[in-house]
Structures are given as structure tokens and as C-alpha cells.
Amino acid sequence: MEHRPITLHTAYGTLTGLETERCRMFLGVPYAHARRFEYAIPVDSWDGVLDATAFGPACPQNRAVHEHLENPVRRFYRREFREGAEFRYDEDCLNLNIFAPRDANACPVVVFIHGGGFDSGLNCESVFDGSALAERGIVTVFINYRVGVLGWLTHRETQEHFGRDGNFGLDDMLTAIRWVKAHIADFGGDPENLTLLGQSAGAISIQFLCLNHENKGLFRHAAMLSGAGLFPKFARPRRAEDAHAYWEQFIEVSGCKSLDELRALPVWQLFDTVEAMRALRSDAIYYTMPVVDGLLLPAPVDELIQTPLHISYLIGFTSNDMYAPLLALVGSGFGKQNSAFIYYFDLEAPGDGNGAFHSCDLRYLFETLDGSWRRYGARDYEASAQLAGYLGNFARCGDPNGPGLPRWERAYPGVAARVLRFAPEGTAMGRASYGKLTKNALTKGEPKV
């Protein structure tokens, strides 16, 4: 597909992007800058002409140094989304990729937050392409945020200096959403019609944002895939100050004597320390995730979840998801509480017997099946077009229903949850069933390879 350079003049500066037959793309656009273990400062302008023709760098992360491909999960997802691709990593990583219709004017906007267990991920993996949604009249924005140690360290000195502690990654997301709301009109988007879309850790992050009423009016709809409802009941975010002891030990193990010395440590040495801490502590993974900081998460989430923002919600999970019955239980519970649209993805991905694995619905949603090594069939492409159509409608008005699509009914409190089931025989309202999956390795997070 031919890519032609295109120049866009905005109120904040001039950019050079790319145009194809399908859409316009502006890649690696900086929305903020941040020094290590400090909060993001938004970018409101740039000098000269910004080159937005190539993806920007991603946040440095442990898997870029210590891949652990002996782990079947790591090997599986590397093949699924990253094999053959080259990524750049830099701490100045707060950038976004914008895909817009060629004639965009006040289009609905989808802001996507990637998953990765809060420890990894980036906005330019092969699945993340907004071209198809642009053809449906949607502006799509994929954001980078800080992950792992760079995103979630807590320390008493940050509280003393900034009056807040931890949650650098969650703050990055919020900063990006605010940047989009302020600037997206220049790219043809409607700043008053933002939909947050996220999967796995991205979905959990969106739910956290929806539990803070300070965010009222910032976005209109929220779609959460394989993550809605999970953390309020399981692995709840701890208080920021309760994580201080872990990070003091981290500093000691790194060979540093202070937070300032850790700030100056070569970035890749941070991940040697991550490896050392994982060898020392079985709970290390639980410290690289959001905390109750009194600001972005103002109270324990099991309290906040009782009164989330009153907006439109869409929730999805797959039949062979990570801990599928658990995700279905808590996701459906939150969905019923908030009259959400819930889907259950039950189409087995062809090629390896792992069924509808965790994250498999992303390729369907963004209509990027052709970018996979798998040989998808006619039913897969039909389901992909349906799921993308539902998302487009949801972004427009908070209701996924529209012409040519099977009717999708809301869930309601006090009523047994019925879901929209994407199945081999077709798409229709039904119920989720996990009996056939209890012996499948992927429900334990170990895909077959």
C-alpha cells in the first residue's frame, strides 16, 4: 500500500504524517515528557515541523532485555504479536499514534490503552492499526505509557517533593487522554466524544479511571476487554506507602544508596535488578502496578467500584481467557451493575489448539487478521467485521447496535447475564459456558506452543 507524505497545520504546530488509500496516520506524536520517577509534563507545541511518519520509542521494559523465551507464555505472545518486528526503547516514550479518516471532521474518537500486565507493552505492535476503524469514520489513538519499574515505583521522597506518590503510568494515561481532548479536533476528531478502549491491564486501568469522579466529562464511553471488574476483588491495589519497603529493598539490591542514585542508574541495569528481586521475592510482580495514592485512586477500589462514573460501558472476554471463569464472573458482575453491553468471544483461533486465547479478540476488533501467521477463515473475517462495526457504533453513541448487525442487548442488575456470543455458528445473544475449558492449559496462563 502506497504511503504519501501529508502536512497538517494545527494550532500547536505543523506535522508531517502519512496518507494511504484508507486513512491518514500521524505516528510517534509526543504528548508529554517526563524525567525518571517524575510526573509527566504535557506537550502543547513543538518547534519546526514535527516528523510524524514513524513510530516513536516505547518505554524500556524487562522483556526487551530478559525475554525468558523458555517460558511458553512469553514465547507464545512473542510469536503472536511481535515476531520479526523491531522496536525502539527510550525513557522519552510518551507518544501516541493517530489514525484518522482522510476527510475527518468531528469524528468520534477511540483512545486505546494497551495491556501487558502493567509490566510491558507498547502502542505499535502488529495488531494495533487504526486504518480499518478510520474507514468506518473513527479517529483512533494508541498511547504509550510507562510500565514496570519506570511506571509504578513508589517512594516517600516523591510524596515529599510532588505531594503525591506512585502511579506514574496511570498519570501518563490520564495526561494522554487530556492531550487528546485538547488537540484531537486538529486531526478531525470530536473532543466531546471520546471512548476509552483497553485490553487486559489497559482495561483494568480504564476501570480505575472510571472510579474517580474527578474524571467526569473527560470521556463519554468505556470499553474494557479481558479485565473489567477484576482487581477490586482480586489482587487489590495496595496503598502507596505500603509499597515503600519493597522499593527501598529494590534500591539496595541495585547497589544504589538513594532514589537519586537510582534515577542516574543506566536504564538497562534497572532490569537486572528486576530479575534479582524476582529471584528474592515471589510477590515482586505485585509492586509494578497502580496503588491507592489518594489522588488518581482516592480510596480502596472495592469502595470506589460501588459508584463508578455514569457512562456507557462495553465489556468483553474470551472463552479461553486467562482464568476465564474468574474474568467472566467479575466482568459480568460489573457489567450487570452498570447496564453494560457484554460480549463473549468463543471463536477458536486456527493453527495451534489454544482456542479463543487471552488477547485473541484484538486482531478481530482492529480487523488486522491478515497480519497474523494464522490462516483465518470466512467466519473469522465475518466476526471481525461485526466486532469492528459494533465498536464503531459504540464510539458514536454509546450503543453498539446498528444496521446489518445481530441485536446486542444490555445486561441489567438482578437479571441473569446474557451476553453477545461470537461462536463458530454465528453471532447471537446467549450465555457463556466454560465447562469444556477447565483442563486447557491456557486457563492457567500456559499456552501450548
Protein backbone atom coordinates (compact mmCIF):
# COMPACT_ATOMS: atom_id res chain seq x y z
CA MET A 1 0.00 0.00 0.00
CA GLU A 2 1.39 3.37 -1.01
CA HIS A 3 2.21 5.85 1.75
CA ARG A 4 2.28 9.51 0.74
CA PRO A 5 3.59 12.32 2.97
CA ILE A 6 1.00 14.80 4.17
CA THR A 7 1.39 18.05 6.08
CA LEU A 8 -1.05 19.13 8.76
CA HIS A 9 -1.11 22.62 10.26
CA THR A 10 -2.53 22.77 13.78
CA ALA A 11 -2.92 25.46 16.40
CA TYR A 12 0.07 23.94 18.19
CA GLY A 13 2.46 23.38 15.30
CA THR A 14 2.93 21.67 11.95
CA LEU A 15 3.30 17.90 11.45
CA THR A 16 4.27 15.70 8.55
CA GLY A 17 2.34 12.43 8.54
CA LEU A 18 1.38 9.74 6.04
CA GLU A 19 -1.69 9.21 3.91
CA THR A 20 -2.88 5.94 2.36
CA GLU A 21 -5.99 4.99 0.44
CA ARG A 22 -7.54 4.09 3.79
CA CYS A 23 -6.61 6.86 6.20
CA ARG A 24 -4.18 9.46 7.47
CA MET A 25 -1.58 8.49 10.06
CA PHE A 26 0.41 10.63 12.46
CA LEU A 27 2.88 8.44 14.31
CA GLY A 28 5.07 8.97 17.36
CA VAL A 29 3.39 12.26 18.28
CA PRO A 30 4.71 13.37 21.71
CA TYR A 31 2.00 14.21 24.23
CA ALA A 32 4.29 14.73 27.24
CA HIS A 33 7.83 14.47 28.56
CA ALA A 34 8.92 13.14 31.93
CA ARG A 35 12.15 12.55 33.74
CA ARG A 36 12.65 9.22 35.52
CA PHE A 37 10.36 8.83 38.54
CA GLU A 38 8.71 12.19 37.94
CA TYR A 39 5.27 13.08 36.62
CA ALA A 40 4.58 13.90 33.00
CA ILE A 41 4.59 17.47 31.70
CA PRO A 42 2.21 17.83 28.71
CA VAL A 43 3.48 18.93 25.30
CA ASP A 44 1.44 21.82 23.95
CA SER A 45 3.62 22.81 20.99
CA TRP A 46 6.80 21.90 19.13
CA ASP A 47 9.42 23.84 17.23
CA GLY A 48 9.67 23.49 13.47
CA VAL A 49 7.87 20.71 11.60
CA LEU A 50 7.28 17.55 13.62
CA ASP A 51 8.13 14.35 11.74
CA ALA A 52 5.21 12.03 12.49
CA THR A 53 5.94 9.41 9.83
CA ALA A 54 7.44 6.68 12.04
CA PHE A 55 6.54 5.04 15.33
CA GLY A 56 8.12 6.60 18.39
CA PRO A 57 10.09 4.76 21.07
CA ALA A 58 8.44 2.54 23.66
CA CYS A 59 9.04 2.53 27.38
CA PRO A 60 12.12 0.44 28.28
CA GLN A 61 10.89 -2.82 29.78
CA ASN A 62 12.22 -6.03 31.23
CA ARG A 63 11.22 -8.29 28.33
CA ALA A 64 13.40 -6.25 25.96
CA VAL A 65 16.45 -7.39 27.97
CA HIS A 66 15.36 -10.62 29.62
CA GLU A 67 12.95 -12.26 27.17
CA HIS A 68 12.66 -15.59 29.01
CA LEU A 69 11.59 -17.42 25.89
CA GLU A 70 11.87 -20.67 27.84
CA ASN A 71 8.53 -19.53 29.31
CA PRO A 72 5.73 -20.77 26.98
CA VAL A 73 3.60 -17.70 27.66
CA ARG A 74 6.44 -15.35 26.64
CA ARG A 75 7.20 -17.44 23.56
CA PHE A 76 3.54 -17.65 22.58
CA TYR A 77 2.85 -13.90 22.70
CA ARG A 78 6.13 -13.01 21.06
CA ARG A 79 5.12 -15.09 18.06
CA GLU A 80 1.57 -13.77 18.15
CA PHE A 81 2.24 -10.02 18.14
CA ARG A 82 5.94 -9.17 17.96
CA GLU A 83 7.93 -11.73 15.97
CA GLY A 84 10.00 -10.13 13.21
CA ALA A 85 9.34 -6.59 14.43
CA GLU A 86 11.97 -4.19 15.70
CA PHE A 87 11.11 -1.69 18.41
CA ARG A 88 12.94 1.32 19.77
CA TYR A 89 13.09 1.89 23.51
CA ASP A 90 13.76 5.18 25.26
CA GLU A 91 12.65 6.77 28.50
CA ASP A 92 11.31 9.70 26.47
CA CYS A 93 8.48 7.44 25.32
CA LEU A 94 5.25 9.36 25.93
CA ASN A 95 3.93 9.41 22.40
CA LEU A 96 0.83 8.36 20.54
CA ASN A 97 -0.20 7.14 17.08
CA ILE A 98 -3.23 8.76 15.46
CA PHE A 99 -5.23 7.15 12.63
CA ALA A 100 -7.92 9.38 11.11
CA PRO A 101 -10.28 9.25 8.13
CA ARG A 102 -8.89 11.11 5.13
CA ASP A 103 -11.76 13.61 5.31
CA ALA A 104 -12.13 13.55 9.10
CA ASN A 105 -14.33 16.25 10.62
CA ALA A 106 -15.66 15.99 14.18
CA CYS A 107 -15.39 12.18 14.12
CA PRO A 108 -15.85 10.02 17.21
CA VAL A 109 -12.53 9.26 18.92
CA VAL A 110 -11.29 5.98 20.39
CA VAL A 111 -8.29 6.14 22.75
CA PHE A 112 -6.67 2.72 23.14
CA ILE A 113 -4.64 1.68 26.21
CA HIS A 114 -2.56 -1.47 25.66
CA GLY A 115 -2.18 -4.37 28.05
CA GLY A 116 0.92 -6.19 29.23
CA GLY A 117 0.35 -6.81 32.92
CA PHE A 118 1.47 -3.23 33.75
CA ASP A 119 4.98 -4.54 33.14
CA SER A 120 5.33 -4.48 29.35
CA GLY A 121 3.65 -3.47 26.09
CA LEU A 122 3.69 -0.67 23.55
CA ASN A 123 1.41 1.12 21.13
CA CYS A 124 2.84 -0.18 17.84
CA GLU A 125 2.60 -3.96 17.96
CA SER A 126 1.35 -5.51 14.73
CA VAL A 127 -2.23 -5.75 15.90
CA PHE A 128 -2.57 -2.02 16.67
CA ASP A 129 -3.63 -0.46 13.38
CA GLY A 130 -6.47 2.06 13.21
CA SER A 131 -6.84 2.01 9.41
CA ALA A 132 -10.00 -0.11 9.35
CA LEU A 133 -11.70 1.98 12.04
CA ALA A 134 -10.75 5.13 10.11
CA GLU A 135 -12.65 3.72 7.14
CA ARG A 136 -15.61 3.43 9.49
CA GLY A 137 -15.34 7.12 10.37
CA ILE A 138 -13.49 6.74 13.68
CA VAL A 139 -10.33 8.53 14.81
CA THR A 140 -8.21 6.05 16.78
CA VAL A 141 -5.35 6.98 19.11
CA PHE A 142 -2.91 4.41 20.51
CA ILE A 143 -0.94 5.66 23.51
CA ASN A 144 2.34 4.70 25.16
CA TYR A 145 2.73 4.94 28.91
CA ARG A 146 5.43 3.96 31.38
CA VAL A 147 5.43 0.34 32.55
CA GLY A 148 7.27 -1.79 35.08
CA VAL A 149 9.69 -0.12 37.47
CA LEU A 150 9.56 3.13 35.46
CA GLY A 151 5.78 3.32 35.75
CA TRP A 152 4.99 2.18 39.25
CA LEU A 153 7.80 2.84 41.74
CA THR A 154 6.66 4.44 44.99
CA HIS A 155 8.89 6.29 47.42
CA ARG A 156 8.46 8.68 50.33
CA GLU A 157 10.62 11.27 48.53
CA THR A 158 8.14 11.54 45.66
CA GLN A 159 5.40 12.22 48.18
CA GLU A 160 7.54 14.87 49.88
CA HIS A 161 8.57 16.52 46.61
CA PHE A 162 5.39 16.24 44.49
CA GLY A 163 2.71 15.87 47.15
CA ARG A 164 1.78 12.52 45.58
CA ASP A 165 3.32 9.10 45.30
CA GLY A 166 3.48 6.40 42.61
CA ASN A 167 1.17 5.77 39.66
CA PHE A 168 3.43 7.38 37.04
CA GLY A 169 1.96 5.06 34.42
CA LEU A 170 -1.66 5.81 35.35
CA ASP A 171 -0.85 9.51 35.37
CA ASP A 172 0.65 9.12 31.87
CA MET A 173 -2.63 7.63 30.63
CA LEU A 174 -4.64 10.47 32.09
CA THR A 175 -2.22 13.03 30.65
CA ALA A 176 -2.58 11.41 27.22
CA ILE A 177 -6.37 11.45 27.40
CA ARG A 178 -6.35 15.11 28.37
CA TRP A 179 -3.94 15.86 25.50
CA VAL A 180 -6.25 14.10 23.06
CA LYS A 181 -9.24 16.04 24.33
CA ALA A 182 -7.36 19.32 23.91
CA HIS A 183 -5.79 18.62 20.50
CA ILE A 184 -7.76 15.98 18.60
CA ALA A 185 -10.01 18.48 16.80
CA ASP A 186 -6.98 19.42 14.69
CA PHE A 187 -6.87 15.82 13.47
CA GLY A 188 -10.58 15.68 12.66
CA GLY A 189 -11.81 14.24 15.96
CA ASP A 190 -14.64 15.36 18.22
CA PRO A 191 -13.15 16.19 21.65
CA GLU A 192 -16.58 15.87 23.22
CA ASN A 193 -16.99 12.26 22.09
CA LEU A 194 -14.10 10.20 23.46
CA THR A 195 -14.31 6.47 24.06
CA LEU A 196 -11.65 4.74 26.16
CA LEU A 197 -10.78 1.26 24.92
CA GLY A 198 -8.35 -1.08 26.66
CA GLN A 199 -7.49 -4.74 26.99
CA SER A 200 -6.16 -6.69 29.99
CA ALA A 201 -4.05 -4.24 32.07
CA GLY A 202 -5.36 -1.49 29.78
CA ALA A 203 -8.93 -2.47 30.66
CA ILE A 204 -8.13 -2.52 34.37
CA SER A 205 -6.56 0.92 34.04
CA ILE A 206 -9.67 2.27 32.35
CA GLN A 207 -11.79 0.90 35.15
CA PHE A 208 -9.58 2.72 37.65
CA LEU A 209 -10.09 5.95 35.68
CA CYS A 210 -13.84 5.32 35.73
CA LEU A 211 -13.80 5.03 39.53
CA ASN A 212 -12.54 8.58 40.01
CA HIS A 213 -15.29 11.18 39.66
CA GLU A 214 -12.69 13.87 39.07
CA ASN A 215 -12.61 12.45 35.52
CA LYS A 216 -16.29 13.17 34.89
CA GLY A 217 -16.77 14.74 31.46
CA LEU A 218 -13.31 13.79 30.20
CA PHE A 219 -14.61 10.81 28.18
CA ARG A 220 -18.07 9.58 27.27
CA HIS A 221 -17.82 5.79 26.89
CA ALA A 222 -15.55 2.99 28.11
CA ALA A 223 -14.85 -0.42 26.56
CA MET A 224 -12.91 -2.92 28.68
CA LEU A 225 -11.74 -6.25 27.25
CA SER A 226 -10.50 -9.09 29.48
CA GLY A 227 -10.09 -7.03 32.61
CA ALA A 228 -13.34 -5.40 33.76
CA GLY A 229 -14.14 -5.89 37.44
CA LEU A 230 -11.05 -7.96 38.18
CA PHE A 231 -8.88 -6.05 40.61
CA PRO A 232 -11.44 -4.81 43.11
CA LYS A 233 -11.89 -8.42 44.26
CA PHE A 234 -8.54 -9.99 43.42
CA ALA A 235 -5.02 -8.61 43.92
CA ARG A 236 -6.38 -5.26 45.04
CA PRO A 237 -4.08 -2.25 44.64
CA ARG A 238 -2.27 -1.61 47.89
CA ARG A 239 -1.70 1.78 49.48
CA ALA A 240 1.31 3.63 48.08
CA GLU A 241 3.04 3.80 51.46
CA ASP A 242 2.66 0.03 51.90
CA ALA A 243 4.93 -0.45 48.88
CA HIS A 244 7.77 1.71 50.18
CA ALA A 245 9.62 -1.14 51.88
CA TYR A 246 9.74 -3.12 48.65
CA TRP A 247 11.22 -0.23 46.71
CA GLU A 248 13.76 0.52 49.43
CA GLN A 249 14.90 -3.09 49.07
CA PHE A 250 14.96 -2.63 45.29
CA ILE A 251 17.30 0.36 45.67
CA GLU A 252 19.57 -1.62 47.99
CA VAL A 253 19.71 -4.63 45.65
CA SER A 254 20.51 -2.33 42.71
CA GLY A 255 23.67 -1.22 44.51
CA CYS A 256 22.38 2.34 44.90
CA LYS A 257 22.11 4.22 48.17
CA SER A 258 19.28 6.62 47.36
CA LEU A 259 16.44 7.35 44.95
CA ASP A 260 18.63 9.95 43.26
CA GLU A 261 21.27 7.31 42.56
CA LEU A 262 18.57 5.02 41.16
CA ARG A 263 17.48 7.85 38.87
CA ALA A 264 21.03 8.01 37.50
CA LEU A 265 21.48 4.25 37.04
CA PRO A 266 21.75 3.18 33.37
CA VAL A 267 18.23 2.17 32.42
CA TRP A 268 19.02 -1.39 31.41
CA GLN A 269 20.65 -2.04 34.79
CA LEU A 270 17.26 -1.41 36.36
CA PHE A 271 16.08 -4.62 34.75
CA ASP A 272 18.97 -6.63 36.11
CA THR A 273 17.65 -5.51 39.49
CA VAL A 274 14.13 -6.56 38.47
CA GLU A 275 15.48 -10.05 37.79
CA ALA A 276 17.29 -10.10 41.13
CA MET A 277 14.16 -9.01 43.00
CA ARG A 278 12.06 -11.68 41.30
CA ALA A 279 14.58 -14.27 42.45
CA LEU A 280 14.38 -12.93 46.00
CA ARG A 281 10.63 -12.34 46.26
CA SER A 282 7.69 -14.28 44.85
CA ASP A 283 5.47 -11.21 45.22
CA ALA A 284 7.65 -8.86 43.16
CA ILE A 285 5.15 -8.65 40.28
CA TYR A 286 2.52 -7.11 42.58
CA TYR A 287 4.60 -3.97 43.11
CA THR A 288 4.68 -2.90 39.45
CA MET A 289 1.06 -1.85 39.20
CA PRO A 290 -1.21 1.00 40.34
CA VAL A 291 -1.52 1.90 44.01
CA VAL A 292 -4.08 3.74 46.11
CA ASP A 293 -2.44 7.16 46.08
CA GLY A 294 -5.28 9.34 47.40
CA LEU A 295 -5.44 11.22 44.09
CA LEU A 296 -5.85 9.11 40.96
CA LEU A 297 -7.14 6.28 43.12
CA PRO A 298 -8.52 8.27 46.05
CA ALA A 299 -9.70 5.28 48.09
CA PRO A 300 -9.58 1.45 48.05
CA VAL A 301 -11.10 0.23 44.80
CA ASP A 302 -13.56 -2.14 46.47
CA GLU A 303 -15.18 1.02 47.88
CA LEU A 304 -14.91 3.09 44.71
CA ILE A 305 -16.40 0.41 42.48
CA GLN A 306 -19.78 0.86 44.12
CA THR A 307 -20.23 4.24 42.38
CA PRO A 308 -18.32 4.36 39.06
CA LEU A 309 -18.84 7.11 36.52
CA HIS A 310 -22.32 7.01 34.99
CA ILE A 311 -21.32 6.42 31.36
CA SER A 312 -21.87 3.75 28.71
CA TYR A 313 -19.85 0.57 29.20
CA LEU A 314 -18.90 -2.27 26.87
CA ILE A 315 -17.19 -5.38 28.29
CA GLY A 316 -15.63 -8.36 26.53
CA PHE A 317 -13.89 -11.60 27.46
CA THR A 318 -12.86 -14.75 25.61
CA SER A 319 -13.80 -18.37 26.23
CA ASN A 320 -10.18 -19.38 26.80
CA ASP A 321 -9.11 -16.22 28.56
CA MET A 322 -6.53 -16.10 31.32
CA TYR A 323 -8.50 -17.62 34.22
CA ALA A 324 -11.59 -17.46 32.05
CA PRO A 325 -14.29 -18.32 34.64
CA LEU A 326 -12.92 -15.67 37.01
CA LEU A 327 -12.86 -12.96 34.34
CA ALA A 328 -16.37 -13.90 33.27
CA LEU A 329 -17.68 -13.80 36.84
CA VAL A 330 -16.29 -10.44 37.87
CA GLY A 331 -16.66 -8.83 34.43
CA SER A 332 -20.30 -9.84 34.14
CA GLY A 333 -20.94 -8.65 37.68
CA PHE A 334 -19.62 -5.19 36.90
CA GLY A 335 -21.47 -5.25 33.58
CA LYS A 336 -24.80 -6.05 35.18
CA GLN A 337 -24.28 -3.41 37.84
CA ASN A 338 -23.75 -0.77 35.15
CA SER A 339 -26.13 -1.99 32.41
CA ALA A 340 -23.22 -2.71 30.09
CA PHE A 341 -23.05 -4.44 26.74
CA ILE A 342 -21.13 -7.71 27.31
CA TYR A 343 -19.63 -9.98 24.68
CA TYR A 344 -18.23 -13.48 24.96
CA PHE A 345 -15.73 -14.39 22.25
CA ASP A 346 -15.92 -18.13 21.54
CA LEU A 347 -14.18 -18.44 18.16
CA GLU A 348 -11.13 -20.67 18.28
CA ALA A 349 -8.09 -19.09 16.66
CA PRO A 350 -6.86 -21.53 14.00
CA GLY A 351 -3.42 -23.06 13.99
CA ASP A 352 -2.44 -24.35 17.43
CA GLY A 353 -5.37 -25.57 19.54
CA ASN A 354 -5.28 -22.71 22.08
CA GLY A 355 -8.87 -21.73 21.39
CA ALA A 356 -10.07 -18.18 21.99
CA PHE A 357 -6.98 -17.24 23.98
CA HIS A 358 -6.41 -14.08 26.03
CA SER A 359 -5.98 -11.15 23.61
CA CYS A 360 -7.12 -13.06 20.51
CA ASP A 361 -10.06 -10.69 20.02
CA LEU A 362 -7.74 -7.72 19.40
CA ARG A 363 -6.98 -8.78 15.81
CA TYR A 364 -10.70 -9.16 15.16
CA LEU A 365 -11.51 -5.80 16.71
CA PHE A 366 -8.96 -3.86 14.64
CA GLU A 367 -9.53 -6.03 11.53
CA THR A 368 -5.85 -7.00 11.36
CA LEU A 369 -6.32 -10.74 10.80
CA ASP A 370 -4.18 -10.55 7.66
CA GLY A 371 -1.17 -9.56 9.77
CA SER A 372 -1.11 -12.88 11.62
CA TRP A 373 0.66 -16.15 10.84
CA ARG A 374 -2.68 -17.88 11.39
CA ARG A 375 -4.91 -18.88 8.47
CA TYR A 376 -8.22 -17.32 9.39
CA GLY A 377 -11.38 -18.39 7.59
CA ALA A 378 -14.58 -16.79 6.32
CA ARG A 379 -16.31 -16.92 9.73
CA ASP A 380 -13.34 -15.19 11.34
CA TYR A 381 -13.49 -12.32 8.86
CA GLU A 382 -17.25 -12.04 9.32
CA ALA A 383 -16.88 -11.86 13.10
CA SER A 384 -14.07 -9.32 12.74
CA ALA A 385 -16.26 -7.03 10.64
CA GLN A 386 -19.08 -7.40 13.17
CA LEU A 387 -16.91 -6.63 16.19
CA ALA A 388 -15.36 -3.59 14.49
CA GLY A 389 -18.83 -2.43 13.43
CA TYR A 390 -20.12 -2.73 16.98
CA LEU A 391 -17.16 -0.74 18.30
CA GLY A 392 -17.68 2.00 15.72
CA ASN A 393 -21.34 2.34 16.68
CA PHE A 394 -20.49 2.32 20.38
CA ALA A 395 -17.95 5.10 19.86
CA ARG A 396 -20.55 7.20 18.07
CA CYS A 397 -23.38 6.99 20.56
CA GLY A 398 -22.68 4.54 23.38
CA ASP A 399 -24.83 1.82 21.77
CA PRO A 400 -23.14 -0.83 19.58
CA ASN A 401 -26.29 -1.74 17.66
CA GLY A 402 -26.73 -0.72 14.05
CA PRO A 403 -27.93 -1.84 10.61
CA GLY A 404 -26.76 -5.26 9.48
CA LEU A 405 -25.60 -6.40 12.92
CA PRO A 406 -27.25 -9.00 15.19
CA ARG A 407 -29.12 -7.35 18.05
CA TRP A 408 -26.99 -6.84 21.18
CA GLU A 409 -28.94 -6.50 24.43
CA ARG A 410 -27.69 -4.80 27.58
CA ALA A 411 -27.10 -6.61 30.84
CA TYR A 412 -29.20 -5.44 33.78
CA PRO A 413 -28.95 -5.69 37.58
CA GLY A 414 -30.94 -8.54 39.09
CA VAL A 415 -31.20 -10.41 35.79
CA ALA A 416 -29.10 -13.41 34.77
CA ALA A 417 -26.40 -12.05 32.48
CA ARG A 418 -26.92 -12.74 28.79
CA VAL A 419 -24.05 -11.93 26.50
CA LEU A 420 -23.44 -11.48 22.81
CA ARG A 421 -21.66 -14.69 21.82
CA PHE A 422 -19.30 -14.79 18.86
CA ALA A 423 -19.41 -18.50 18.04
CA PRO A 424 -18.44 -20.69 15.08
CA GLU A 425 -22.07 -20.96 14.01
CA GLY A 426 -22.76 -17.24 14.19
CA THR A 427 -23.22 -14.22 16.46
CA ALA A 428 -26.25 -14.06 18.76
CA MET A 429 -27.32 -13.44 22.34
CA GLY A 430 -26.59 -16.38 24.62
CA ARG A 431 -24.71 -17.42 27.72
CA ALA A 432 -21.05 -18.05 28.48
CA SER A 433 -20.02 -21.61 29.32
CA TYR A 434 -16.58 -22.72 30.50
CA GLY A 435 -17.04 -26.41 31.24
CA LYS A 436 -15.10 -27.52 28.18
CA LEU A 437 -12.12 -25.35 29.16
CA THR A 438 -11.28 -26.46 32.66
CA LYS A 439 -8.46 -28.77 31.53
CA ASN A 440 -6.99 -26.44 28.93
CA ALA A 441 -3.53 -25.17 29.86
CA LEU A 442 -4.24 -21.61 28.76
CA THR A 443 -6.73 -21.08 31.59
CA LYS A 444 -3.67 -21.37 33.82
CA GLY A 445 -1.75 -18.89 31.70
CA GLU A 446 0.32 -21.53 29.89
CA PRO A 447 -0.49 -21.65 26.17
CA LYS A 448 0.55 -24.63 24.13
CA VAL A 449 3.36 -23.95 21.67
